[in-house]
């Protein structure tokens, strides 16, 4: 199996230390690729390349319109290659091929969208106290951006960072997850073919402890954009303090899904299931915490159990599969530990809660049965901590105030949703929930034009939309006096 290189300064390289990693399919643990891995030395080379490109004429002299055209053309290339990219994503992550195709359509649209915005972020004239002067604001690229990307949506969440950063004129060092680098490497090939100048895009595979740490610590990196866990995000903030670089963090969530007594609970069942079991629950916006009015609790639990027991597990490349495996044995063990501890603390297991044991097709994969728990208390760790697996727990509430208070009782603030037909309640609860995104009579809806990010320990900054583009810009104030007069102050 040939070793796949990574990309620095316009060249495909295998790294100075000769490190390699075998990439496996989480469905059957079969090797699907061998990739070269970089280390700190390679990361430093990529950073130098990005710095030289940022300061060089080839990239700087491109007009915003020309940058936009490159991005739009790259979006077209992604659309043309979406089947191949989706296949790589499914083989590498285990998610269903249908989900991966949706991702690729989104990614192509993201590059088209920011291609269209590239020449539409002009500065503005602001009021000046001197009538013979002009005061204007200019938006400029922040510089060299290090991007540390997650394993659950490898190329989609990379695109959330890459497209707006390139649209502003930044140069990049991209570190995909060491578990799921394949789609990002293939995207890099498409970007090379699209004609981006040498050094603008650098992709270095390798672990966070070396490549990621170098990006966070380097004085030559102007900004870090990271998606991942809270613990790692805090370490990145500490490392970034060395040169007070800008930091954008998306750190996950514990997302409540509230069903009020006046909501359409039968329709909500579909959205609850989609909110938890999409990509086997390995999604930062997963609605694992379902709060149901006491009058609906038993009916909702019965319907959820019936549907959950019929979720079809299998190979993501097979059309009949509804849910694939978790990413690794380690992740499966973490999920199992969450469930076991919850049961020990008093939760009631309704279904799932173990690995599948009666299907030889699944025995080699990192599968965990879709799981339903009830009887969880607000103080339980499973209620407070992100699970990142196919587990949903249902809690009762009696009043609107109780539901809102319990929903907000979390260190996270990424997203949440609720179901109601009452316009006054919709207005009250939408305002009261402390989350970056609130869905009403829907769940897990996000799109390129709308900002995405959270309150509290869910992170800093926003991705997507025009706001996501502004994250990669600095604001410069330029004041010009057209009629300077002597001040006659010092020495007079």
Protein backbone atom coordinates (compact mmCIF):
# COMPACT_ATOMS: atom_id res chain seq x y z
CA UNK A 1 0.00 0.00 0.00
CA UNK A 2 1.61 3.24 -1.17
CA UNK A 3 2.18 5.92 1.45
CA UNK A 4 0.05 9.03 0.93
CA UNK A 5 2.13 12.19 1.38
CA UNK A 6 1.04 15.54 2.80
CA UNK A 7 1.33 18.98 1.23
CA UNK A 8 3.77 21.80 2.04
CA UNK A 9 4.71 24.78 -0.13
CA UNK A 10 3.21 23.34 -3.28
CA UNK A 11 4.88 19.92 -2.96
CA UNK A 12 3.73 16.51 -1.75
CA UNK A 13 6.17 15.30 0.93
CA UNK A 14 6.50 12.36 3.31
CA UNK A 15 8.07 14.20 6.23
CA UNK A 16 11.61 14.38 7.49
CA UNK A 17 11.18 11.73 10.19
CA UNK A 18 9.58 9.15 7.90
CA UNK A 19 6.58 8.64 10.21
CA UNK A 20 3.55 6.72 8.96
CA UNK A 21 0.07 5.79 10.16
CA UNK A 22 -2.26 3.06 8.93
CA UNK A 23 -5.83 4.34 8.49
CA UNK A 24 -8.61 1.83 9.12
CA UNK A 25 -12.29 1.50 8.32
CA UNK A 26 -14.18 1.50 11.66
CA UNK A 27 -16.76 -0.87 10.16
CA UNK A 28 -14.37 -3.84 9.91
CA UNK A 29 -10.96 -2.52 11.06
CA UNK A 30 -9.51 -3.17 7.60
CA UNK A 31 -6.61 -0.98 6.50
CA UNK A 32 -7.74 1.45 3.80
CA UNK A 33 -4.65 3.67 3.51
CA UNK A 34 -1.21 4.44 4.87
CA UNK A 35 -0.44 8.12 5.29
CA UNK A 36 2.79 9.92 6.02
CA UNK A 37 2.74 11.80 9.31
CA UNK A 38 4.47 15.05 10.03
CA UNK A 39 6.07 16.24 13.23
CA UNK A 40 7.04 19.63 14.66
CA UNK A 41 9.75 20.07 12.02
CA UNK A 42 7.23 19.58 9.23
CA UNK A 43 4.74 21.88 10.94
CA UNK A 44 7.40 24.59 11.14
CA UNK A 45 8.14 24.16 7.43
CA UNK A 46 4.44 24.53 6.64
CA UNK A 47 4.18 27.64 8.81
CA UNK A 48 7.18 29.20 7.02
CA UNK A 49 5.57 28.38 3.69
CA UNK A 50 2.30 30.02 4.72
CA UNK A 51 4.11 33.09 6.07
CA UNK A 52 6.11 33.54 2.85
CA UNK A 53 2.97 33.12 0.76
CA UNK A 54 1.07 35.65 2.86
CA UNK A 55 3.83 38.20 2.39
CA UNK A 56 4.50 37.25 -1.23
CA UNK A 57 3.26 38.90 -4.38
CA UNK A 58 1.44 35.95 -5.97
CA UNK A 59 -1.32 35.82 -3.34
CA UNK A 60 -1.33 39.43 -2.21
CA UNK A 61 -1.72 40.78 -5.74
CA UNK A 62 -4.77 38.66 -6.48
CA UNK A 63 -7.84 40.85 -6.30
CA UNK A 64 -10.71 39.80 -4.03
CA UNK A 65 -12.68 38.98 -7.18
CA UNK A 66 -9.90 36.69 -8.40
CA UNK A 67 -9.75 34.97 -5.00
CA UNK A 68 -13.49 34.49 -5.19
CA UNK A 69 -13.21 32.94 -8.63
CA UNK A 70 -10.65 30.43 -7.32
CA UNK A 71 -12.97 29.50 -4.47
CA UNK A 72 -15.98 29.15 -6.74
CA UNK A 73 -14.01 26.98 -9.16
CA UNK A 74 -12.88 24.82 -6.25
CA UNK A 75 -16.52 24.42 -5.22
CA UNK A 76 -17.28 23.19 -8.73
CA UNK A 77 -14.43 20.68 -8.55
CA UNK A 78 -15.74 19.39 -5.22
CA UNK A 79 -19.21 18.96 -6.70
CA UNK A 80 -17.77 17.03 -9.64
CA UNK A 81 -15.78 14.76 -7.30
CA UNK A 82 -18.43 14.40 -4.59
CA UNK A 83 -18.95 10.64 -5.04
CA UNK A 84 -15.25 9.92 -4.59
CA UNK A 85 -14.96 12.30 -1.63
CA UNK A 86 -18.08 10.81 -0.01
CA UNK A 87 -16.73 7.29 -0.45
CA UNK A 88 -13.48 8.27 1.28
CA UNK A 89 -15.41 9.96 4.08
CA UNK A 90 -17.59 6.91 4.68
CA UNK A 91 -14.70 4.43 4.57
CA UNK A 92 -12.71 6.59 6.99
CA UNK A 93 -15.46 7.56 9.47
CA UNK A 94 -18.04 4.78 9.18
CA UNK A 95 -20.92 7.21 8.59
CA UNK A 96 -23.44 6.30 5.93
CA UNK A 97 -22.66 7.13 2.32
CA UNK A 98 -25.90 9.10 2.11
CA UNK A 99 -24.75 11.34 4.97
CA UNK A 100 -21.36 11.77 3.32
CA UNK A 101 -22.97 12.81 0.03
CA UNK A 102 -24.99 15.43 1.91
CA UNK A 103 -21.75 16.67 3.44
CA UNK A 104 -20.09 17.02 0.04
CA UNK A 105 -23.03 18.96 -1.37
CA UNK A 106 -22.76 21.30 1.62
CA UNK A 107 -19.00 21.66 1.15
CA UNK A 108 -19.31 22.56 -2.52
CA UNK A 109 -21.92 25.15 -1.56
CA UNK A 110 -19.67 26.60 1.16
CA UNK A 111 -16.87 27.30 -1.32
CA UNK A 112 -19.31 28.81 -3.80
CA UNK A 113 -20.84 30.98 -1.06
CA UNK A 114 -17.55 32.39 0.18
CA UNK A 115 -16.35 32.73 -3.40
CA UNK A 116 -19.28 35.08 -3.87
CA UNK A 117 -18.47 36.99 -0.67
CA UNK A 118 -14.75 37.42 -1.33
CA UNK A 119 -15.15 40.84 -3.01
CA UNK A 120 -18.03 42.02 -0.85
CA UNK A 121 -16.30 42.82 2.43
CA UNK A 122 -15.22 46.38 1.73
CA UNK A 123 -14.50 48.85 4.49
CA UNK A 124 -16.67 51.77 5.49
CA UNK A 125 -16.46 55.48 6.15
CA UNK A 126 -17.32 56.53 9.69
CA UNK A 127 -18.06 59.93 11.19
CA UNK A 128 -15.04 62.07 12.03
CA UNK A 129 -14.89 64.99 14.49
CA UNK A 130 -12.85 67.05 12.01
CA UNK A 131 -14.85 68.22 8.97
CA UNK A 132 -11.60 68.38 6.96
CA UNK A 133 -10.74 64.74 7.49
CA UNK A 134 -11.80 61.24 6.60
CA UNK A 135 -12.04 58.26 8.94
CA UNK A 136 -12.40 54.86 7.36
CA UNK A 137 -12.33 51.23 8.44
CA UNK A 138 -10.55 48.61 6.35
CA UNK A 139 -10.95 44.85 6.72
CA UNK A 140 -7.71 42.92 6.29
CA UNK A 141 -6.80 39.23 6.54
CA UNK A 142 -5.55 38.18 9.96
CA UNK A 143 -2.55 36.42 8.38
CA UNK A 144 -1.35 32.84 8.80
CA UNK A 145 -4.08 30.62 10.24
CA UNK A 146 -3.51 27.22 11.84
CA UNK A 147 -6.57 24.99 11.52
CA UNK A 148 -6.97 21.95 13.77
CA UNK A 149 -9.90 19.92 12.51
CA UNK A 150 -11.99 17.13 14.11
CA UNK A 151 -12.55 13.50 13.15
CA UNK A 152 -16.34 13.41 13.13
CA UNK A 153 -16.94 15.68 10.12
CA UNK A 154 -13.44 15.78 8.67
CA UNK A 155 -13.93 17.75 5.48
CA UNK A 156 -17.17 19.57 6.28
CA UNK A 157 -15.86 21.25 9.41
CA UNK A 158 -12.53 21.92 7.71
CA UNK A 159 -14.45 23.70 4.94
CA UNK A 160 -16.21 25.87 7.53
CA UNK A 161 -12.76 27.26 8.35
CA UNK A 162 -10.91 27.06 5.04
CA UNK A 163 -13.35 28.78 2.69
CA UNK A 164 -13.91 32.02 4.66
CA UNK A 165 -10.23 32.28 5.58
CA UNK A 166 -9.16 32.02 1.94
CA UNK A 167 -11.87 34.48 0.92
CA UNK A 168 -10.33 37.13 3.19
CA UNK A 169 -6.79 36.50 1.90
CA UNK A 170 -5.34 34.44 4.75
CA UNK A 171 -2.87 31.61 4.19
CA UNK A 172 -3.34 28.26 5.88
CA UNK A 173 -1.76 25.33 7.66
CA UNK A 174 -4.43 22.64 7.99
CA UNK A 175 -4.11 19.72 10.40
CA UNK A 176 -6.79 17.09 9.84
CA UNK A 177 -7.44 14.55 12.57
CA UNK A 178 -4.87 11.78 12.51
CA UNK A 179 -7.81 9.33 12.52
CA UNK A 180 -9.59 10.74 9.46
CA UNK A 181 -7.22 12.57 7.09
CA UNK A 182 -8.21 11.02 3.76
CA UNK A 183 -10.90 13.39 2.49
CA UNK A 184 -8.87 16.45 3.47
CA UNK A 185 -5.83 15.15 1.59
CA UNK A 186 -8.00 14.53 -1.47
CA UNK A 187 -9.49 18.02 -1.13
CA UNK A 188 -5.94 19.41 -1.02
CA UNK A 189 -5.25 17.76 -4.38
CA UNK A 190 -8.33 19.47 -5.81
CA UNK A 191 -7.18 22.82 -4.39
CA UNK A 192 -3.76 22.34 -5.98
CA UNK A 193 -5.41 21.64 -9.34
CA UNK A 194 -7.59 24.74 -8.94
CA UNK A 195 -4.46 26.91 -9.11
CA UNK A 196 -3.98 28.45 -5.66
CA UNK A 197 -0.49 29.98 -5.42
CA UNK A 198 2.25 27.92 -3.81
CA UNK A 199 2.26 28.09 -0.01
CA UNK A 200 -1.26 29.47 0.41
CA UNK A 201 -2.60 26.03 1.38
CA UNK A 202 -0.53 23.59 3.43
CA UNK A 203 -1.94 20.33 4.83
CA UNK A 204 0.11 18.46 7.43
CA UNK A 205 -1.07 15.15 8.86
CA UNK A 206 0.00 14.12 12.33
CA UNK A 207 -1.06 14.11 15.98
CA UNK A 208 -2.18 17.06 18.01
CA UNK A 209 0.66 16.58 20.48
CA UNK A 210 3.22 17.56 17.83
CA UNK A 211 1.73 19.19 14.73
CA UNK A 212 -1.20 20.75 16.59
CA UNK A 213 0.99 21.93 19.45
CA UNK A 214 3.43 23.59 17.06
CA UNK A 215 0.60 25.49 15.39
CA UNK A 216 -0.75 26.67 18.73
CA UNK A 217 2.66 27.71 20.09
CA UNK A 218 4.29 29.21 17.00
CA UNK A 219 4.93 32.94 17.04
CA UNK A 220 4.54 32.91 13.25
CA UNK A 221 0.90 31.77 13.38
CA UNK A 222 -1.52 34.68 13.73
CA UNK A 223 -4.67 32.69 14.52
CA UNK A 224 -5.78 29.22 15.54
CA UNK A 225 -9.17 27.83 14.56
CA UNK A 226 -9.95 24.62 16.44
CA UNK A 227 -12.90 22.25 16.66
CA UNK A 228 -12.79 19.58 19.35
CA UNK A 229 -13.10 18.97 23.08
CA UNK A 230 -13.13 21.51 25.91
CA UNK A 231 -9.97 20.16 27.57
CA UNK A 232 -7.93 20.44 24.38
CA UNK A 233 -9.45 23.82 23.60
CA UNK A 234 -8.27 25.19 26.94
CA UNK A 235 -4.75 23.87 26.27
CA UNK A 236 -4.76 25.61 22.89
CA UNK A 237 -5.79 28.88 24.55
CA UNK A 238 -2.89 28.56 26.98
CA UNK A 239 -0.42 27.78 24.20
CA UNK A 240 -1.73 30.61 22.03
CA UNK A 241 -0.99 33.11 24.80
CA UNK A 242 2.68 33.01 23.75
CA UNK A 243 2.08 35.62 21.05
CA UNK A 244 -1.49 36.51 22.04
CA UNK A 245 -2.73 35.03 18.78
CA UNK A 246 -6.39 35.13 17.93
CA UNK A 247 -8.28 31.96 18.84
CA UNK A 248 -11.57 30.61 17.48
CA UNK A 249 -12.91 27.53 19.27
CA UNK A 250 -15.89 25.23 18.70
CA UNK A 251 -15.89 22.93 21.71
CA UNK A 252 -19.07 20.91 21.62
CA UNK A 253 -22.27 20.93 23.59
CA UNK A 254 -24.85 19.24 25.76
CA UNK A 255 -27.88 20.14 23.74
CA UNK A 256 -31.40 20.01 25.23
CA UNK A 257 -34.43 19.04 23.16
CA UNK A 258 -37.62 20.15 24.93
CA UNK A 259 -41.10 18.82 24.18
CA UNK A 260 -43.81 20.98 25.76
CA UNK A 261 -47.32 19.67 26.30
CA UNK A 262 -48.69 21.80 23.43
CA UNK A 263 -46.06 20.61 20.95
CA UNK A 264 -46.58 18.17 18.07
CA UNK A 265 -45.00 15.26 19.92
CA UNK A 266 -45.62 12.66 17.21
CA UNK A 267 -43.71 14.71 14.64
CA UNK A 268 -41.08 15.54 17.25
CA UNK A 269 -40.20 11.84 17.59
CA UNK A 270 -38.57 11.88 14.15
CA UNK A 271 -36.53 14.95 15.03
CA UNK A 272 -35.46 13.51 18.38
CA UNK A 273 -34.16 10.39 16.64
CA UNK A 274 -32.41 12.39 13.94
CA UNK A 275 -30.96 14.71 16.56
CA UNK A 276 -29.32 11.83 18.44
CA UNK A 277 -28.52 9.00 16.03
CA UNK A 278 -27.30 10.89 12.98
CA UNK A 279 -23.65 9.81 12.51
CA UNK A 280 -24.07 7.53 15.55
CA UNK A 281 -24.40 10.55 17.83
CA UNK A 282 -20.88 11.74 17.03
CA UNK A 283 -21.95 15.31 16.45
CA UNK A 284 -21.46 18.36 18.64
CA UNK A 285 -25.11 19.40 18.33
CA UNK A 286 -26.56 15.98 19.23
CA UNK A 287 -29.76 16.39 21.24
CA UNK A 288 -28.94 13.67 23.75
CA UNK A 289 -30.87 15.37 26.55
CA UNK A 290 -34.62 15.17 25.87
CA UNK A 291 -36.88 17.03 28.31
CA UNK A 292 -40.52 15.92 28.01
CA UNK A 293 -43.58 17.29 29.81
CA UNK A 294 -44.81 14.76 32.35
CA UNK A 295 -48.15 14.37 30.56
CA UNK A 296 -46.36 13.10 27.43
CA UNK A 297 -43.47 11.21 28.99
CA UNK A 298 -44.73 7.64 28.82
CA UNK A 299 -46.08 7.94 25.27
CA UNK A 300 -42.87 9.54 24.01
CA UNK A 301 -40.68 6.90 25.67
CA UNK A 302 -42.78 4.07 24.21
CA UNK A 303 -42.58 5.48 20.69
CA UNK A 304 -38.86 6.17 20.99
CA UNK A 305 -38.17 2.64 22.20
CA UNK A 306 -40.11 1.12 19.31
CA UNK A 307 -38.24 3.17 16.73
CA UNK A 308 -34.81 2.82 18.36
CA UNK A 309 -35.02 -0.98 18.46
CA UNK A 310 -35.53 -0.96 14.68
CA UNK A 311 -32.57 1.23 13.69
CA UNK A 312 -30.53 -0.69 11.11
CA UNK A 313 -26.81 -0.89 11.88
CA UNK A 314 -24.30 -1.83 9.23
CA UNK A 315 -21.75 -0.90 6.62
CA UNK A 316 -22.04 2.76 5.72
CA UNK A 317 -21.56 1.90 2.05
CA UNK A 318 -24.74 -0.21 2.02
CA UNK A 319 -27.91 1.68 1.17
CA UNK A 320 -30.00 -0.08 3.83
CA UNK A 321 -27.76 1.08 6.70
CA UNK A 322 -29.20 3.79 8.93
CA UNK A 323 -26.36 4.02 11.46
CA UNK A 324 -22.70 3.08 11.22
CA UNK A 325 -20.07 2.37 13.86
CA UNK A 326 -18.29 4.71 16.22
CA UNK A 327 -14.91 5.98 15.11
CA UNK A 328 -12.75 3.76 17.34
CA UNK A 329 -12.68 1.19 20.11
CA UNK A 330 -11.62 3.94 22.49
CA UNK A 331 -14.66 6.06 21.63
CA UNK A 332 -16.97 3.07 22.06
CA UNK A 333 -15.49 2.41 25.49
CA UNK A 334 -16.07 6.04 26.50
CA UNK A 335 -19.72 5.80 25.48
CA UNK A 336 -20.15 2.48 27.30
CA UNK A 337 -18.61 4.00 30.43
CA UNK A 338 -21.09 6.91 30.33
CA UNK A 339 -24.02 4.47 30.14
CA UNK A 340 -22.72 2.07 32.80
CA UNK A 341 -22.07 4.90 35.23
CA UNK A 342 -25.54 6.36 34.63
CA UNK A 343 -27.15 3.00 35.45
CA UNK A 344 -25.06 2.74 38.61
CA UNK A 345 -26.27 6.22 39.60
CA UNK A 346 -29.93 5.24 39.18
CA UNK A 347 -30.84 5.66 35.51
CA UNK A 348 -33.11 3.02 33.94
CA UNK A 349 -31.95 1.33 30.74
CA UNK A 350 -34.86 0.94 28.31
CA UNK A 351 -32.94 -0.51 25.37
CA UNK A 352 -29.43 -0.76 23.97
CA UNK A 353 -26.58 -0.19 26.37
CA UNK A 354 -24.18 -2.72 24.85
CA UNK A 355 -22.38 -3.87 21.74
CA UNK A 356 -24.47 -5.89 19.26
CA UNK A 357 -23.90 -9.58 19.98
CA UNK A 358 -26.02 -11.46 17.47
CA UNK A 359 -24.85 -10.24 14.07
CA UNK A 360 -21.57 -11.58 12.68
CA UNK A 361 -21.50 -8.75 10.12
CA UNK A 362 -21.00 -6.26 12.93
CA UNK A 363 -18.56 -8.11 15.15
CA UNK A 364 -15.40 -6.46 13.81
CA UNK A 365 -16.79 -2.93 13.79
CA UNK A 366 -16.86 -0.39 16.62
CA UNK A 367 -20.63 -0.62 17.00
CA UNK A 368 -22.69 0.36 20.02
CA UNK A 369 -26.43 -0.25 20.09
CA UNK A 370 -28.70 2.81 19.98
CA UNK A 371 -29.49 3.41 23.63
CA UNK A 372 -32.44 4.90 25.53
CA UNK A 373 -32.27 5.83 29.22
CA UNK A 374 -34.92 7.28 31.52
CA UNK A 375 -34.97 8.37 35.14
CA UNK A 376 -31.86 10.54 34.89
CA UNK A 377 -31.44 13.32 37.44
CA UNK A 378 -30.00 16.74 36.57
CA UNK A 379 -26.94 16.10 38.76
CA UNK A 380 -25.91 12.92 36.92
CA UNK A 381 -22.76 13.19 34.85
CA UNK A 382 -24.48 11.73 31.79
CA UNK A 383 -26.87 14.70 31.94
CA UNK A 384 -24.01 17.20 32.22
CA UNK A 385 -21.30 15.72 29.97
CA UNK A 386 -21.09 15.37 26.20
CA UNK A 387 -21.52 11.69 25.27
CA UNK A 388 -20.59 11.69 21.55
CA UNK A 389 -22.37 8.42 20.91
CA UNK A 390 -25.82 6.94 20.12
CA UNK A 391 -27.36 7.56 23.55
CA UNK A 392 -30.47 9.54 24.44
CA UNK A 393 -31.88 10.11 27.92
CA UNK A 394 -35.41 11.34 28.59
CA UNK A 395 -36.30 13.48 31.62
CA UNK A 396 -39.70 14.64 32.90
CA UNK A 397 -40.61 18.23 33.73
CA UNK A 398 -43.79 19.88 35.03
CA UNK A 399 -43.54 23.58 34.17
CA UNK A 400 -42.04 25.81 31.51
CA UNK A 401 -39.78 27.50 34.04
CA UNK A 402 -38.46 24.13 35.19
CA UNK A 403 -37.74 23.03 31.63
CA UNK A 404 -35.83 26.21 30.81
CA UNK A 405 -33.85 26.14 34.04
CA UNK A 406 -32.82 22.52 33.52
CA UNK A 407 -31.96 23.11 29.86
CA UNK A 408 -29.66 25.99 30.81
CA UNK A 409 -28.07 24.05 33.67
CA UNK A 410 -24.93 23.11 31.73
CA UNK A 411 -21.42 24.40 31.16
CA UNK A 412 -22.18 24.34 27.44
CA UNK A 413 -24.22 26.68 25.28
CA UNK A 414 -23.99 25.45 21.70
CA UNK A 415 -27.56 24.67 20.66
CA UNK A 416 -30.97 23.62 21.86
CA UNK A 417 -34.49 23.21 20.58
CA UNK A 418 -38.10 22.97 21.68
CA UNK A 419 -41.57 22.12 20.39
CA UNK A 420 -44.58 24.34 21.00
CA UNK A 421 -47.56 25.81 19.14
CA UNK A 422 -48.00 28.76 21.52
CA UNK A 423 -46.59 32.01 19.99
CA UNK A 424 -46.10 33.62 23.41
CA UNK A 425 -44.26 30.58 24.74
CA UNK A 426 -42.12 30.42 21.61
CA UNK A 427 -41.08 34.04 22.15
CA UNK A 428 -40.37 33.56 25.89
CA UNK A 429 -38.44 30.32 25.63
CA UNK A 430 -36.41 31.36 22.58
CA UNK A 431 -35.16 34.35 24.54
CA UNK A 432 -34.61 32.45 27.79
CA UNK A 433 -32.48 29.60 26.39
CA UNK A 434 -28.76 30.41 26.62
CA UNK A 435 -27.49 28.83 23.43
CA UNK A 436 -25.87 30.08 20.25
CA UNK A 437 -28.57 28.43 18.14
CA UNK A 438 -32.17 27.74 19.18
CA UNK A 439 -34.44 25.63 16.98
CA UNK A 440 -38.23 25.91 17.25
CA UNK A 441 -40.24 22.91 16.02
CA UNK A 442 -37.11 21.52 14.39
CA UNK A 443 -33.65 20.29 15.36
CA UNK A 444 -30.11 20.05 13.99
CA UNK A 445 -30.62 22.55 11.21
CA UNK A 446 -27.59 24.56 10.13
CA UNK A 447 -26.69 26.09 6.82
CA UNK A 448 -23.93 28.13 5.27
CA UNK A 449 -25.60 31.53 5.57
CA UNK A 450 -26.29 31.32 9.33
CA UNK A 451 -23.60 31.68 12.02
CA UNK A 452 -22.73 28.66 14.16
CA UNK A 453 -21.12 28.74 17.59
CA UNK A 454 -21.95 28.72 21.25
CA UNK A 455 -22.12 30.43 24.61
CA UNK A 456 -20.13 29.52 27.71
CA UNK A 457 -17.68 26.62 27.33
CA UNK A 458 -18.97 25.72 23.87
CA UNK A 459 -16.32 28.01 22.47
CA UNK A 460 -15.27 31.40 21.17
CA UNK A 461 -16.32 33.04 17.94
CA UNK A 462 -18.62 31.89 15.17
CA UNK A 463 -18.32 29.89 11.97
CA UNK A 464 -20.40 30.19 8.79
CA UNK A 465 -22.27 33.19 7.43
CA UNK A 466 -20.69 36.62 7.09
CA UNK A 467 -19.80 36.42 10.79
CA UNK A 468 -17.66 33.36 10.10
CA UNK A 469 -15.74 35.35 7.51
CA UNK A 470 -15.17 38.26 9.88
CA UNK A 471 -13.44 35.88 12.32
CA UNK A 472 -10.50 35.80 9.89
CA UNK A 473 -10.23 39.57 9.51
CA UNK A 474 -8.59 42.42 11.37
CA UNK A 475 -10.14 45.89 11.45
CA UNK A 476 -7.82 48.78 10.62
CA UNK A 477 -8.83 52.39 11.29
CA UNK A 478 -7.28 54.90 8.87
CA UNK A 479 -7.62 58.60 9.67
CA UNK A 480 -6.59 61.20 7.11
CA UNK A 481 -6.48 64.94 7.78
CA UNK A 482 -6.92 66.92 4.54
CA UNK A 483 -6.12 70.30 6.06
CA UNK A 484 -3.62 69.97 8.92
CA UNK A 485 -3.03 73.18 10.90
CA UNK A 486 -0.24 74.02 13.37
CA UNK A 487 -1.07 73.00 16.92
CA UNK A 488 1.06 75.66 18.60
CA UNK A 489 1.26 73.72 21.83
CA UNK A 490 4.67 72.43 22.92
CA UNK A 491 7.40 75.02 23.23
CA UNK A 492 5.13 77.94 22.44
